């Protein structure tokens, strides 16, 4: 695995450990590599009013955008579950706002990695 992929997966796993998931127990971490070379992270944050829960991917994107970074090279999503993680449609749409051809890496608790292009995950993204 290239060093940037390894670094991304390590950062995503680290972010996962900060997740606040008392209801689902499904902790997720995300690391996104900005065009500036920096990695921005996020974790899922649940709420008793479940509709107010936010996914790790959107936290990471919003974190980077709040720092002025709007172009990305790759994203890594990590979870403790042994099955391949995936991202929800809302996260796919938010990411497509910034980069359709984003490389998406998924890593599970055993270190297995899968890779997809965002355009394959959301082939007909909404556009204004």
C-alpha atoms as a PDB file:
ATOM      1  CA  UNK A   1       0.000   0.000   0.000  1.00  0.00           C
ATOM      2  CA  UNK A   2       1.429   3.453  -0.847  1.00  0.00           C
ATOM      3  CA  UNK A   3       2.574   5.466   2.145  1.00  0.00           C
ATOM      4  CA  UNK A   4      -0.225   8.039   1.778  1.00  0.00           C
ATOM      5  CA  UNK A   5      -2.817   5.222   1.860  1.00  0.00           C
ATOM      6  CA  UNK A   6      -1.204   3.748   4.956  1.00  0.00           C
ATOM      7  CA  UNK A   7      -1.116   7.148   6.643  1.00  0.00           C
ATOM      8  CA  UNK A   8      -4.757   7.759   5.709  1.00  0.00           C
ATOM      9  CA  UNK A   9      -5.849   4.404   7.111  1.00  0.00           C
ATOM     10  CA  UNK A  10      -3.934   5.026  10.348  1.00  0.00           C
ATOM     11  CA  UNK A  11      -5.551   8.445  10.733  1.00  0.00           C
ATOM     12  CA  UNK A  12      -9.010   7.011   9.992  1.00  0.00           C
ATOM     13  CA  UNK A  13      -8.523   4.295  12.622  1.00  0.00           C
ATOM     14  CA  UNK A  14      -7.350   6.893  15.125  1.00  0.00           C
ATOM     15  CA  UNK A  15     -10.417   9.046  14.387  1.00  0.00           C
ATOM     16  CA  UNK A  16     -12.649   5.997  14.807  1.00  0.00           C
ATOM     17  CA  UNK A  17     -11.420   5.694  18.390  1.00  0.00           C
ATOM     18  CA  UNK A  18     -12.900   9.149  19.104  1.00  0.00           C
ATOM     19  CA  UNK A  19     -16.358   8.246  17.776  1.00  0.00           C
ATOM     20  CA  UNK A  20     -19.362   8.908  19.980  1.00  0.00           C
ATOM     21  CA  UNK A  21     -21.694   5.986  19.266  1.00  0.00           C
ATOM     22  CA  UNK A  22     -23.480   5.008  22.506  1.00  0.00           C
ATOM     23  CA  UNK A  23     -26.648   3.913  20.685  1.00  0.00           C
ATOM     24  CA  UNK A  24     -25.526   1.929  17.657  1.00  0.00           C
ATOM     25  CA  UNK A  25     -22.064   0.952  18.982  1.00  0.00           C
ATOM     26  CA  UNK A  26     -20.992   1.342  15.324  1.00  0.00           C
ATOM     27  CA  UNK A  27     -17.886   3.510  15.505  1.00  0.00           C
ATOM     28  CA  UNK A  28     -16.579   4.999  12.273  1.00  0.00           C
ATOM     29  CA  UNK A  29     -13.528   7.107  11.521  1.00  0.00           C
ATOM     30  CA  UNK A  30     -12.667   9.025   8.403  1.00  0.00           C
ATOM     31  CA  UNK A  31      -9.527  10.675   7.097  1.00  0.00           C
ATOM     32  CA  UNK A  32      -9.477  12.793   3.973  1.00  0.00           C
ATOM     33  CA  UNK A  33      -6.344  13.911   2.162  1.00  0.00           C
ATOM     34  CA  UNK A  34      -6.663  17.491   1.022  1.00  0.00           C
ATOM     35  CA  UNK A  35      -5.012  18.928  -2.059  1.00  0.00           C
ATOM     36  CA  UNK A  36      -2.830  20.882   0.368  1.00  0.00           C
ATOM     37  CA  UNK A  37      -1.235  17.598   1.514  1.00  0.00           C
ATOM     38  CA  UNK A  38      -2.848  17.706   4.970  1.00  0.00           C
ATOM     39  CA  UNK A  39      -5.132  15.050   6.392  1.00  0.00           C
ATOM     40  CA  UNK A  40      -8.420  16.061   7.976  1.00  0.00           C
ATOM     41  CA  UNK A  41     -10.324  13.641  10.167  1.00  0.00           C
ATOM     42  CA  UNK A  42     -13.793  13.037  11.480  1.00  0.00           C
ATOM     43  CA  UNK A  43     -15.733  10.479  13.484  1.00  0.00           C
ATOM     44  CA  UNK A  44     -19.401   9.664  13.714  1.00  0.00           C
ATOM     45  CA  UNK A  45     -21.250  11.515  16.450  1.00  0.00           C
ATOM     46  CA  UNK A  46     -24.617  10.122  17.508  1.00  0.00           C
ATOM     47  CA  UNK A  47     -27.431  11.890  19.306  1.00  0.00           C
ATOM     48  CA  UNK A  48     -30.417  10.621  21.282  1.00  0.00           C
ATOM     49  CA  UNK A  49     -32.508  12.355  18.621  1.00  0.00           C
ATOM     50  CA  UNK A  50     -31.134  10.013  15.962  1.00  0.00           C
ATOM     51  CA  UNK A  51     -31.800  12.338  13.023  1.00  0.00           C
ATOM     52  CA  UNK A  52     -29.204  14.713  14.478  1.00  0.00           C
ATOM     53  CA  UNK A  53     -26.460  12.095  14.199  1.00  0.00           C
ATOM     54  CA  UNK A  54     -23.652  12.985  11.794  1.00  0.00           C
ATOM     55  CA  UNK A  55     -21.421  10.603   9.884  1.00  0.00           C
ATOM     56  CA  UNK A  56     -17.630  10.561  10.097  1.00  0.00           C
ATOM     57  CA  UNK A  57     -17.266  11.407   6.412  1.00  0.00           C
ATOM     58  CA  UNK A  58     -19.222  14.639   6.679  1.00  0.00           C
ATOM     59  CA  UNK A  59     -17.367  15.643   9.850  1.00  0.00           C
ATOM     60  CA  UNK A  60     -14.053  15.187   7.998  1.00  0.00           C
ATOM     61  CA  UNK A  61     -15.241  17.118   4.925  1.00  0.00           C
ATOM     62  CA  UNK A  62     -16.690  19.938   7.022  1.00  0.00           C
ATOM     63  CA  UNK A  63     -13.474  20.043   9.051  1.00  0.00           C
ATOM     64  CA  UNK A  64     -11.392  20.511   5.900  1.00  0.00           C
ATOM     65  CA  UNK A  65     -13.769  23.008   4.302  1.00  0.00           C
ATOM     66  CA  UNK A  66     -13.780  25.078   7.505  1.00  0.00           C
ATOM     67  CA  UNK A  67     -10.007  25.361   7.042  1.00  0.00           C
ATOM     68  CA  UNK A  68     -10.370  26.493   3.412  1.00  0.00           C
ATOM     69  CA  UNK A  69      -9.603  23.134   1.746  1.00  0.00           C
ATOM     70  CA  UNK A  70     -12.127  22.152  -0.924  1.00  0.00           C
ATOM     71  CA  UNK A  71     -10.143  19.804  -3.152  1.00  0.00           C
ATOM     72  CA  UNK A  72      -9.299  16.281  -2.121  1.00  0.00           C
ATOM     73  CA  UNK A  73      -7.050  13.455  -3.283  1.00  0.00           C
ATOM     74  CA  UNK A  74      -8.351  10.476  -1.289  1.00  0.00           C
ATOM     75  CA  UNK A  75     -10.545   9.461   1.625  1.00  0.00           C
ATOM     76  CA  UNK A  76     -10.299   6.502   3.983  1.00  0.00           C
ATOM     77  CA  UNK A  77     -13.177   5.130   6.021  1.00  0.00           C
ATOM     78  CA  UNK A  78     -12.508   2.820   8.994  1.00  0.00           C
ATOM     79  CA  UNK A  79     -14.721   0.717  11.223  1.00  0.00           C
ATOM     80  CA  UNK A  80     -14.208  -2.064  13.755  1.00  0.00           C
ATOM     81  CA  UNK A  81     -16.670  -4.372  12.055  1.00  0.00           C
ATOM     82  CA  UNK A  82     -15.185  -7.163   9.953  1.00  0.00           C
ATOM     83  CA  UNK A  83     -17.415  -6.551   6.968  1.00  0.00           C
ATOM     84  CA  UNK A  84     -16.531  -3.926   4.391  1.00  0.00           C
ATOM     85  CA  UNK A  85     -17.731  -0.504   5.499  1.00  0.00           C
ATOM     86  CA  UNK A  86     -19.672   1.683   3.130  1.00  0.00           C
ATOM     87  CA  UNK A  87     -20.906   5.235   3.214  1.00  0.00           C
ATOM     88  CA  UNK A  88     -24.452   6.500   3.157  1.00  0.00           C
ATOM     89  CA  UNK A  89     -25.973   8.374   0.253  1.00  0.00           C
ATOM     90  CA  UNK A  90     -25.869  11.728   2.064  1.00  0.00           C
ATOM     91  CA  UNK A  91     -22.106  11.430   2.523  1.00  0.00           C
ATOM     92  CA  UNK A  92     -21.644  10.399  -1.096  1.00  0.00           C
ATOM     93  CA  UNK A  93     -23.594  13.453  -2.245  1.00  0.00           C
ATOM     94  CA  UNK A  94     -21.654  15.830   0.032  1.00  0.00           C
ATOM     95  CA  UNK A  95     -18.344  14.472  -1.263  1.00  0.00           C
ATOM     96  CA  UNK A  96     -19.472  14.703  -4.893  1.00  0.00           C
ATOM     97  CA  UNK A  97     -19.938  18.441  -4.385  1.00  0.00           C
ATOM     98  CA  UNK A  98     -16.156  18.694  -4.225  1.00  0.00           C
ATOM     99  CA  UNK A  99     -14.658  15.778  -6.179  1.00  0.00           C
ATOM    100  CA  UNK A 100     -16.413  13.126  -8.308  1.00  0.00           C
ATOM    101  CA  UNK A 101     -13.264  11.141  -9.017  1.00  0.00           C
ATOM    102  CA  UNK A 102     -12.165  10.879  -5.390  1.00  0.00           C
ATOM    103  CA  UNK A 103     -10.413   7.650  -4.410  1.00  0.00           C
ATOM    104  CA  UNK A 104     -12.294   6.037  -1.533  1.00  0.00           C
ATOM    105  CA  UNK A 105     -10.471   3.525   0.664  1.00  0.00           C
ATOM    106  CA  UNK A 106     -12.255   1.315   3.139  1.00  0.00           C
ATOM    107  CA  UNK A 107     -10.393  -0.418   5.965  1.00  0.00           C
ATOM    108  CA  UNK A 108     -11.796  -2.907   8.449  1.00  0.00           C
ATOM    109  CA  UNK A 109     -10.528  -4.011  11.855  1.00  0.00           C
ATOM    110  CA  UNK A 110      -8.401  -6.763  10.276  1.00  0.00           C
ATOM    111  CA  UNK A 111      -6.580  -4.337   8.002  1.00  0.00           C
ATOM    112  CA  UNK A 112      -8.355  -5.383   4.793  1.00  0.00           C
ATOM    113  CA  UNK A 113      -8.547  -2.526   2.342  1.00  0.00           C
ATOM    114  CA  UNK A 114     -10.940  -1.946  -0.539  1.00  0.00           C
ATOM    115  CA  UNK A 115     -10.749   0.896  -3.029  1.00  0.00           C
ATOM    116  CA  UNK A 116     -13.435   2.530  -5.173  1.00  0.00           C
ATOM    117  CA  UNK A 117     -13.953   5.770  -7.040  1.00  0.00           C
ATOM    118  CA  UNK A 118     -16.672   8.044  -5.697  1.00  0.00           C
ATOM    119  CA  UNK A 119     -18.129   8.276  -9.219  1.00  0.00           C
ATOM    120  CA  UNK A 120     -18.766   4.502  -9.078  1.00  0.00           C
ATOM    121  CA  UNK A 121     -20.499   4.812  -5.699  1.00  0.00           C
ATOM    122  CA  UNK A 122     -22.698   7.709  -6.832  1.00  0.00           C
ATOM    123  CA  UNK A 123     -22.906   7.574 -10.633  1.00  0.00           C
ATOM    124  CA  UNK A 124     -25.621  10.195 -11.020  1.00  0.00           C
ATOM    125  CA  UNK A 125     -24.882  12.796  -8.366  1.00  0.00           C
ATOM    126  CA  UNK A 126     -27.263  15.713  -8.037  1.00  0.00           C
ATOM    127  CA  UNK A 127     -25.994  18.933  -9.681  1.00  0.00           C
ATOM    128  CA  UNK A 128     -27.417  22.426  -9.800  1.00  0.00           C
END
